[in-house]
């Protein structure tokens, strides 16, 4: 992946057990053929998202995370093709709505530290998305506020 505008767009169904009252976290998983792990062996990532309800146009995700993925993520080990994971970026609680059924993420490599050459490269592996599951009603509960269908009543 280069720093000249390459991007990866991912679109998928919002998990039907997502607790929209809680934040959603994202981390970029990446690797490089670089075999050092110094202060300049870094990759900067930009992650954007968009939420979609029925009828929305599937535009390229363009909303910045509320807490961005930390810039200059340092390679985790002095090993070529080491698995690296950025700090957690956050989409704030109550951002997603009950009518949202689809989400999209765009990942771009913004910059590469001087310690990783163009020949060594940086590769995007994936996006790790974490969320809190909505609680499930039990026999003694009266109203847990649990929607009866996908993110809505």
N, C-alpha and C. Protein backbone atom coordinates (compact mmCIF):
# COMPACT_ATOMS: atom_id res chain seq x y z
N UNK A 1 0.85 -1.17 0.00
CA UNK A 1 0.00 0.00 0.00
C UNK A 1 0.90 1.23 0.00
N UNK A 2 0.58 2.18 -0.82
CA UNK A 2 1.42 3.37 -0.89
C UNK A 2 0.75 4.55 -0.19
N UNK A 3 1.50 5.62 -0.07
CA UNK A 3 0.98 6.82 0.59
C UNK A 3 0.45 7.82 -0.42
N UNK A 4 0.23 7.39 -1.66
CA UNK A 4 -0.20 8.32 -2.71
C UNK A 4 -1.69 8.23 -3.03
N UNK A 5 -2.48 7.94 -2.04
CA UNK A 5 -3.93 7.93 -2.25
C UNK A 5 -4.55 6.55 -2.32
N UNK A 6 -3.75 5.49 -2.19
CA UNK A 6 -4.34 4.15 -2.14
C UNK A 6 -5.28 4.06 -0.95
N UNK A 7 -6.37 3.37 -1.12
CA UNK A 7 -7.30 3.18 -0.01
C UNK A 7 -7.97 1.82 -0.14
N UNK A 8 -8.42 1.32 0.98
CA UNK A 8 -9.21 0.10 1.04
C UNK A 8 -10.57 0.50 1.58
N UNK A 9 -11.63 0.20 0.86
CA UNK A 9 -12.99 0.44 1.34
C UNK A 9 -13.61 -0.89 1.71
N UNK A 10 -14.25 -0.93 2.86
CA UNK A 10 -14.94 -2.14 3.32
C UNK A 10 -16.37 -1.75 3.66
N UNK A 11 -17.32 -2.53 3.17
CA UNK A 11 -18.72 -2.32 3.49
C UNK A 11 -19.28 -3.61 4.07
N UNK A 12 -20.10 -3.51 5.09
CA UNK A 12 -20.69 -4.70 5.68
C UNK A 12 -21.90 -4.38 6.52
N UNK A 13 -22.58 -5.41 6.92
CA UNK A 13 -23.78 -5.29 7.74
C UNK A 13 -23.38 -4.96 9.17
N UNK A 14 -24.06 -3.98 9.76
CA UNK A 14 -23.85 -3.66 11.17
C UNK A 14 -24.29 -4.87 11.98
N UNK A 15 -23.48 -5.34 12.93
CA UNK A 15 -23.89 -6.50 13.72
C UNK A 15 -25.23 -6.24 14.41
N UNK A 16 -26.14 -7.21 14.33
CA UNK A 16 -27.47 -6.99 14.90
C UNK A 16 -27.49 -7.01 16.42
N UNK A 17 -26.35 -7.34 17.06
CA UNK A 17 -26.28 -7.30 18.52
C UNK A 17 -25.47 -6.11 19.02
N UNK A 18 -25.18 -5.14 18.14
CA UNK A 18 -24.41 -3.95 18.52
C UNK A 18 -25.20 -3.12 19.52
N UNK A 19 -24.58 -2.80 20.65
CA UNK A 19 -25.19 -1.89 21.62
C UNK A 19 -24.82 -0.48 21.18
N UNK A 20 -25.77 0.23 20.58
CA UNK A 20 -25.49 1.55 20.02
C UNK A 20 -25.23 2.59 21.10
N UNK A 21 -25.46 2.24 22.35
CA UNK A 21 -25.20 3.16 23.47
C UNK A 21 -23.74 3.10 23.91
N UNK A 22 -22.93 2.26 23.27
CA UNK A 22 -21.52 2.07 23.61
C UNK A 22 -20.64 2.46 22.42
N UNK A 23 -19.39 2.83 22.67
CA UNK A 23 -18.48 3.16 21.56
C UNK A 23 -18.10 1.93 20.74
N UNK A 24 -17.67 2.19 19.52
CA UNK A 24 -17.15 1.16 18.63
C UNK A 24 -15.66 1.47 18.42
N UNK A 25 -14.83 0.45 18.55
CA UNK A 25 -13.39 0.64 18.39
C UNK A 25 -12.89 0.06 17.09
N UNK A 26 -11.83 0.65 16.54
CA UNK A 26 -11.19 0.13 15.33
C UNK A 26 -9.67 0.20 15.48
N UNK A 27 -9.00 -0.81 14.96
CA UNK A 27 -7.54 -0.85 14.92
C UNK A 27 -7.13 -1.35 13.53
N UNK A 28 -6.03 -0.81 13.03
CA UNK A 28 -5.49 -1.25 11.75
C UNK A 28 -4.45 -2.33 12.02
N UNK A 29 -4.55 -3.45 11.33
CA UNK A 29 -3.55 -4.50 11.37
C UNK A 29 -2.70 -4.35 10.11
N UNK A 30 -1.38 -4.32 10.30
CA UNK A 30 -0.50 -4.09 9.16
C UNK A 30 0.82 -4.82 9.34
N UNK A 31 1.58 -4.89 8.26
CA UNK A 31 2.90 -5.51 8.31
C UNK A 31 3.83 -4.80 7.32
N UNK A 32 5.11 -5.14 7.41
CA UNK A 32 6.13 -4.58 6.52
C UNK A 32 7.23 -5.62 6.35
N UNK A 33 7.98 -5.49 5.29
CA UNK A 33 9.12 -6.38 5.10
C UNK A 33 10.37 -5.81 5.77
N UNK A 34 10.19 -4.79 6.58
CA UNK A 34 11.26 -4.15 7.34
C UNK A 34 11.64 -5.05 8.53
N UNK A 35 12.93 -5.14 8.82
CA UNK A 35 13.39 -6.03 9.89
C UNK A 35 13.94 -5.28 11.10
N UNK A 36 13.53 -4.03 11.28
CA UNK A 36 13.93 -3.27 12.47
C UNK A 36 12.68 -2.73 13.15
N UNK A 37 12.85 -2.24 14.37
CA UNK A 37 11.70 -1.70 15.11
C UNK A 37 12.11 -0.44 15.86
N UNK A 38 12.68 0.50 15.14
CA UNK A 38 13.11 1.75 15.76
C UNK A 38 12.05 2.84 15.66
N UNK A 39 12.39 4.00 16.16
CA UNK A 39 11.44 5.12 16.22
C UNK A 39 10.98 5.60 14.85
N UNK A 40 11.74 5.32 13.79
CA UNK A 40 11.34 5.76 12.45
C UNK A 40 10.73 4.63 11.62
N UNK A 41 10.58 3.48 12.22
CA UNK A 41 9.96 2.33 11.53
C UNK A 41 8.46 2.36 11.80
N UNK A 42 7.79 3.29 11.12
CA UNK A 42 6.39 3.58 11.45
C UNK A 42 5.50 3.62 10.22
N UNK A 43 4.22 3.50 10.48
CA UNK A 43 3.20 3.71 9.46
C UNK A 43 2.08 4.53 10.08
N UNK A 44 1.62 5.53 9.34
CA UNK A 44 0.49 6.36 9.76
C UNK A 44 -0.74 5.94 8.97
N UNK A 45 -1.85 5.83 9.64
CA UNK A 45 -3.09 5.38 9.01
C UNK A 45 -4.21 6.38 9.26
N UNK A 46 -5.09 6.52 8.29
CA UNK A 46 -6.31 7.30 8.45
C UNK A 46 -7.47 6.34 8.24
N UNK A 47 -8.37 6.30 9.21
CA UNK A 47 -9.57 5.46 9.10
C UNK A 47 -10.79 6.38 9.13
N UNK A 48 -11.68 6.21 8.17
CA UNK A 48 -12.94 6.95 8.11
C UNK A 48 -14.07 5.94 8.09
N UNK A 49 -15.26 6.40 8.43
CA UNK A 49 -16.41 5.50 8.42
C UNK A 49 -17.65 6.25 7.93
N UNK A 50 -18.67 5.51 7.57
CA UNK A 50 -20.00 6.05 7.28
C UNK A 50 -21.01 5.00 7.69
N UNK A 51 -22.12 5.46 8.21
CA UNK A 51 -23.22 4.55 8.55
C UNK A 51 -24.32 4.74 7.51
N UNK A 52 -25.02 3.67 7.20
CA UNK A 52 -26.02 3.72 6.15
C UNK A 52 -27.33 3.10 6.64
N UNK A 53 -28.41 3.78 6.31
CA UNK A 53 -29.75 3.24 6.55
C UNK A 53 -30.31 2.85 5.18
N UNK A 54 -31.42 2.17 5.18
CA UNK A 54 -32.05 1.78 3.91
C UNK A 54 -32.31 3.02 3.06
N UNK A 55 -31.93 2.96 1.80
CA UNK A 55 -32.14 4.06 0.88
C UNK A 55 -30.95 5.00 0.74
N UNK A 56 -29.96 4.92 1.65
CA UNK A 56 -28.79 5.79 1.56
C UNK A 56 -27.89 5.36 0.40
N UNK A 57 -27.23 6.33 -0.22
CA UNK A 57 -26.25 6.03 -1.26
C UNK A 57 -24.98 5.48 -0.62
N UNK A 58 -24.40 4.46 -1.21
CA UNK A 58 -23.17 3.86 -0.68
C UNK A 58 -21.97 4.68 -1.18
N UNK A 59 -21.79 5.83 -0.55
CA UNK A 59 -20.66 6.70 -0.87
C UNK A 59 -19.42 6.20 -0.15
N UNK A 60 -18.26 6.66 -0.60
CA UNK A 60 -17.02 6.29 0.08
C UNK A 60 -17.05 6.82 1.51
N UNK A 61 -16.71 5.99 2.50
CA UNK A 61 -16.74 6.43 3.89
C UNK A 61 -15.89 7.68 4.10
N UNK A 62 -16.46 8.69 4.79
CA UNK A 62 -15.78 9.98 4.87
C UNK A 62 -15.81 10.64 6.24
N UNK A 63 -16.42 10.01 7.24
CA UNK A 63 -16.49 10.62 8.56
C UNK A 63 -15.28 10.20 9.38
N UNK A 64 -14.59 11.19 9.94
CA UNK A 64 -13.41 10.90 10.77
C UNK A 64 -13.84 10.22 12.07
N UNK A 65 -12.99 9.35 12.58
CA UNK A 65 -13.24 8.75 13.88
C UNK A 65 -13.24 9.84 14.94
N UNK A 66 -14.02 9.66 16.01
CA UNK A 66 -14.05 10.64 17.10
C UNK A 66 -12.71 10.67 17.83
N UNK A 67 -12.09 9.51 18.00
CA UNK A 67 -10.72 9.40 18.49
C UNK A 67 -9.95 8.70 17.39
N UNK A 68 -9.05 9.42 16.75
CA UNK A 68 -8.37 8.86 15.58
C UNK A 68 -7.35 7.80 15.98
N UNK A 69 -7.03 6.95 15.02
CA UNK A 69 -5.96 5.97 15.20
C UNK A 69 -4.67 6.77 15.35
N UNK A 70 -3.89 6.46 16.37
CA UNK A 70 -2.67 7.21 16.66
C UNK A 70 -1.72 7.18 15.47
N UNK A 71 -1.18 8.35 15.14
CA UNK A 71 -0.22 8.45 14.04
C UNK A 71 1.10 7.81 14.41
N UNK A 72 1.91 7.50 13.40
CA UNK A 72 3.26 6.96 13.57
C UNK A 72 3.27 5.71 14.44
N UNK A 73 2.46 4.71 14.04
CA UNK A 73 2.45 3.44 14.75
C UNK A 73 3.78 2.74 14.49
N UNK A 74 4.52 2.44 15.55
CA UNK A 74 5.86 1.84 15.44
C UNK A 74 5.75 0.34 15.22
N UNK A 75 6.56 -0.17 14.31
CA UNK A 75 6.61 -1.60 14.07
C UNK A 75 6.86 -2.32 15.39
N UNK A 76 6.14 -3.39 15.64
CA UNK A 76 6.13 -4.05 16.95
C UNK A 76 7.34 -4.92 17.25
N UNK A 77 8.03 -5.40 16.23
CA UNK A 77 9.18 -6.28 16.46
C UNK A 77 10.19 -6.11 15.34
N UNK A 78 11.44 -6.40 15.64
CA UNK A 78 12.51 -6.30 14.64
C UNK A 78 12.51 -7.56 13.79
N UNK A 79 11.39 -7.82 13.17
CA UNK A 79 11.19 -9.01 12.35
C UNK A 79 10.43 -8.63 11.10
N UNK A 80 10.94 -9.00 9.96
CA UNK A 80 10.21 -8.75 8.72
C UNK A 80 8.85 -9.45 8.79
N UNK A 81 7.85 -8.79 8.31
CA UNK A 81 6.47 -9.28 8.27
C UNK A 81 5.87 -9.53 9.65
N UNK A 82 6.35 -8.78 10.64
CA UNK A 82 5.76 -8.86 11.98
C UNK A 82 4.33 -8.31 11.92
N UNK A 83 3.44 -8.90 12.68
CA UNK A 83 2.07 -8.40 12.78
C UNK A 83 2.07 -7.17 13.67
N UNK A 84 1.54 -6.08 13.16
CA UNK A 84 1.46 -4.83 13.91
C UNK A 84 0.00 -4.43 14.05
N UNK A 85 -0.32 -3.80 15.16
CA UNK A 85 -1.69 -3.36 15.42
C UNK A 85 -1.64 -1.96 16.01
N UNK A 86 -2.36 -1.03 15.41
CA UNK A 86 -2.37 0.34 15.89
C UNK A 86 -3.11 0.44 17.22
N UNK A 87 -2.99 1.59 17.84
CA UNK A 87 -3.82 1.90 19.00
C UNK A 87 -5.28 1.96 18.54
N UNK A 88 -6.17 1.90 19.47
CA UNK A 88 -7.60 1.85 19.18
C UNK A 88 -8.14 3.24 18.84
N UNK A 89 -8.75 3.34 17.68
CA UNK A 89 -9.53 4.52 17.32
C UNK A 89 -10.96 4.28 17.78
N UNK A 90 -11.74 5.34 17.95
CA UNK A 90 -13.08 5.19 18.54
C UNK A 90 -14.13 5.98 17.76
N UNK A 91 -15.28 5.34 17.59
CA UNK A 91 -16.51 6.00 17.16
C UNK A 91 -17.35 6.11 18.44
N UNK A 92 -17.72 7.32 18.80
CA UNK A 92 -18.41 7.54 20.07
C UNK A 92 -19.73 6.78 20.19
N UNK A 93 -20.12 6.55 21.43
CA UNK A 93 -21.42 5.95 21.73
C UNK A 93 -22.52 6.82 21.14
N UNK A 94 -23.63 6.21 20.83
CA UNK A 94 -24.83 6.87 20.30
C UNK A 94 -24.61 7.51 18.94
N UNK A 95 -23.58 7.09 18.21
CA UNK A 95 -23.38 7.55 16.85
C UNK A 95 -24.26 6.75 15.90
N UNK A 96 -24.29 5.44 16.09
CA UNK A 96 -25.14 4.59 15.25
C UNK A 96 -26.58 4.71 15.75
N UNK A 97 -27.51 4.59 14.82
CA UNK A 97 -28.93 4.72 15.12
C UNK A 97 -29.64 3.40 14.84
N UNK A 98 -30.84 3.27 15.34
CA UNK A 98 -31.58 2.02 15.18
C UNK A 98 -31.86 1.67 13.72
N UNK A 99 -31.94 2.66 12.85
CA UNK A 99 -32.21 2.38 11.44
C UNK A 99 -30.98 2.04 10.61
N UNK A 100 -29.80 2.11 11.20
CA UNK A 100 -28.57 1.81 10.47
C UNK A 100 -28.43 0.30 10.27
N UNK A 101 -28.27 -0.09 9.01
CA UNK A 101 -28.14 -1.53 8.74
C UNK A 101 -26.82 -1.88 8.07
N UNK A 102 -26.06 -0.88 7.64
CA UNK A 102 -24.83 -1.12 6.90
C UNK A 102 -23.81 -0.10 7.37
N UNK A 103 -22.53 -0.49 7.38
CA UNK A 103 -21.48 0.49 7.68
C UNK A 103 -20.35 0.30 6.70
N UNK A 104 -19.60 1.35 6.53
CA UNK A 104 -18.45 1.31 5.64
C UNK A 104 -17.25 1.91 6.34
N UNK A 105 -16.08 1.38 6.02
CA UNK A 105 -14.82 1.89 6.56
C UNK A 105 -13.85 2.11 5.40
N UNK A 106 -13.12 3.21 5.45
CA UNK A 106 -12.07 3.47 4.47
C UNK A 106 -10.76 3.57 5.24
N UNK A 107 -9.73 2.85 4.77
CA UNK A 107 -8.42 2.87 5.40
C UNK A 107 -7.41 3.36 4.38
N UNK A 108 -6.63 4.35 4.78
CA UNK A 108 -5.58 4.91 3.93
C UNK A 108 -4.27 4.93 4.70
N UNK A 109 -3.19 4.65 4.01
CA UNK A 109 -1.87 4.85 4.61
C UNK A 109 -1.48 6.29 4.33
N UNK A 110 -1.36 7.06 5.38
CA UNK A 110 -1.09 8.49 5.25
C UNK A 110 0.40 8.76 5.05
N UNK A 111 1.24 8.04 5.77
CA UNK A 111 2.69 8.26 5.69
C UNK A 111 3.41 7.02 6.17
N UNK A 112 4.67 6.96 5.81
CA UNK A 112 5.54 5.86 6.24
C UNK A 112 6.80 6.51 6.79
N UNK A 113 7.28 6.03 7.94
CA UNK A 113 8.49 6.59 8.53
C UNK A 113 9.71 6.30 7.68
N UNK A 114 10.75 7.09 7.88
CA UNK A 114 11.98 6.97 7.09
C UNK A 114 12.66 5.62 7.27
N UNK A 115 12.36 4.91 8.36
CA UNK A 115 12.98 3.61 8.62
C UNK A 115 12.44 2.48 7.77
N UNK A 116 11.33 2.71 7.09
CA UNK A 116 10.75 1.69 6.21
C UNK A 116 10.86 2.21 4.78
N UNK A 117 11.67 1.55 3.98
CA UNK A 117 11.89 1.99 2.61
C UNK A 117 10.72 1.60 1.72
N UNK A 118 10.65 2.23 0.56
CA UNK A 118 9.60 1.88 -0.41
C UNK A 118 9.74 0.43 -0.85
N UNK A 119 10.99 -0.05 -0.96
CA UNK A 119 11.22 -1.44 -1.36
C UNK A 119 10.72 -2.42 -0.30
N UNK A 120 10.84 -2.04 0.98
CA UNK A 120 10.35 -2.91 2.06
C UNK A 120 8.84 -2.90 2.13
N UNK A 121 8.23 -1.77 1.87
CA UNK A 121 6.78 -1.66 1.78
C UNK A 121 6.04 -1.80 3.10
N UNK A 122 4.81 -1.37 3.07
CA UNK A 122 3.87 -1.52 4.18
C UNK A 122 2.60 -2.12 3.60
N UNK A 123 2.07 -3.16 4.26
CA UNK A 123 0.86 -3.81 3.78
C UNK A 123 -0.24 -3.74 4.81
N UNK A 124 -1.41 -3.37 4.35
CA UNK A 124 -2.62 -3.41 5.16
C UNK A 124 -3.08 -4.86 5.23
N UNK A 125 -3.32 -5.36 6.44
CA UNK A 125 -3.81 -6.73 6.61
C UNK A 125 -5.31 -6.75 6.83
N UNK A 126 -5.78 -5.88 7.71
CA UNK A 126 -7.20 -5.86 7.99
C UNK A 126 -7.56 -4.79 9.01
N UNK A 127 -8.84 -4.67 9.25
CA UNK A 127 -9.35 -3.73 10.22
C UNK A 127 -10.05 -4.53 11.31
N UNK A 128 -9.60 -4.33 12.53
CA UNK A 128 -10.20 -5.00 13.68
C UNK A 128 -11.24 -4.06 14.27
N UNK A 129 -12.50 -4.48 14.26
CA UNK A 129 -13.59 -3.67 14.79
C UNK A 129 -14.11 -4.36 16.05
N UNK A 130 -14.19 -3.60 17.16
CA UNK A 130 -14.73 -4.17 18.39
C UNK A 130 -15.93 -3.36 18.85
N UNK A 131 -16.85 -4.02 19.51
CA UNK A 131 -18.06 -3.36 19.99
C UNK A 131 -18.61 -4.13 21.18
N UNK A 132 -19.48 -3.47 21.93
CA UNK A 132 -20.14 -4.11 23.06
C UNK A 132 -21.45 -4.71 22.56
N UNK A 133 -21.67 -5.96 22.93
CA UNK A 133 -22.92 -6.61 22.54
C UNK A 133 -24.06 -6.11 23.41
N UNK A 134 -25.21 -5.98 22.80
CA UNK A 134 -26.41 -5.60 23.51
C UNK A 134 -26.77 -6.74 24.47
N UNK A 135 -27.20 -6.38 25.68
CA UNK A 135 -27.63 -7.40 26.64
C UNK A 135 -28.84 -8.15 26.14
N UNK A 136 -28.98 -9.35 26.59
CA UNK A 136 -30.12 -10.16 26.19
C UNK A 136 -31.13 -10.23 27.34
N UNK A 137 -32.41 -10.17 27.04
CA UNK A 137 -33.41 -10.23 28.11
C UNK A 137 -33.39 -11.59 28.78
N UNK A 138 -33.77 -11.61 30.06
CA UNK A 138 -33.91 -12.89 30.75
C UNK A 138 -35.32 -13.00 31.31
N UNK A 139 -35.61 -14.08 31.95
CA UNK A 139 -36.96 -14.36 32.41
C UNK A 139 -37.47 -13.30 33.37
N UNK A 140 -36.60 -12.74 34.22
CA UNK A 140 -37.05 -11.78 35.23
C UNK A 140 -37.06 -10.34 34.73
N UNK A 141 -36.56 -10.07 33.51
CA UNK A 141 -36.53 -8.69 33.04
C UNK A 141 -37.90 -8.25 32.53
N UNK A 142 -38.20 -6.99 32.73
CA UNK A 142 -39.46 -6.43 32.26
C UNK A 142 -39.22 -5.75 30.91
N UNK A 143 -38.31 -4.79 30.87
CA UNK A 143 -38.00 -4.10 29.62
C UNK A 143 -36.53 -3.73 29.62
N UNK A 144 -35.74 -4.44 28.84
CA UNK A 144 -34.30 -4.17 28.77
C UNK A 144 -33.99 -3.17 27.65
N UNK A 145 -35.03 -2.67 26.98
CA UNK A 145 -34.79 -1.76 25.87
C UNK A 145 -34.17 -2.45 24.68
N UNK A 146 -34.43 -3.74 24.53
CA UNK A 146 -33.85 -4.51 23.45
C UNK A 146 -34.75 -4.43 22.23
N UNK A 147 -34.24 -3.90 21.10
CA UNK A 147 -35.04 -3.88 19.89
C UNK A 147 -35.41 -5.30 19.45
N UNK A 148 -36.54 -5.44 18.83
CA UNK A 148 -36.99 -6.76 18.42
C UNK A 148 -36.48 -7.15 17.03
N UNK A 149 -35.86 -6.20 16.30
CA UNK A 149 -35.27 -6.54 15.02
C UNK A 149 -33.96 -5.79 14.87
N UNK A 150 -33.41 -5.80 13.68
CA UNK A 150 -32.06 -5.30 13.43
C UNK A 150 -31.93 -3.83 13.82
N UNK A 151 -31.32 -3.56 14.97
CA UNK A 151 -31.03 -2.23 15.51
C UNK A 151 -32.27 -1.34 15.63
N UNK A 152 -33.43 -1.90 15.66
CA UNK A 152 -34.61 -1.05 15.80
C UNK A 152 -35.83 -1.82 16.21
N UNK A 153 -36.87 -1.10 16.54
CA UNK A 153 -38.16 -1.72 16.89
C UNK A 153 -39.06 -1.74 15.70
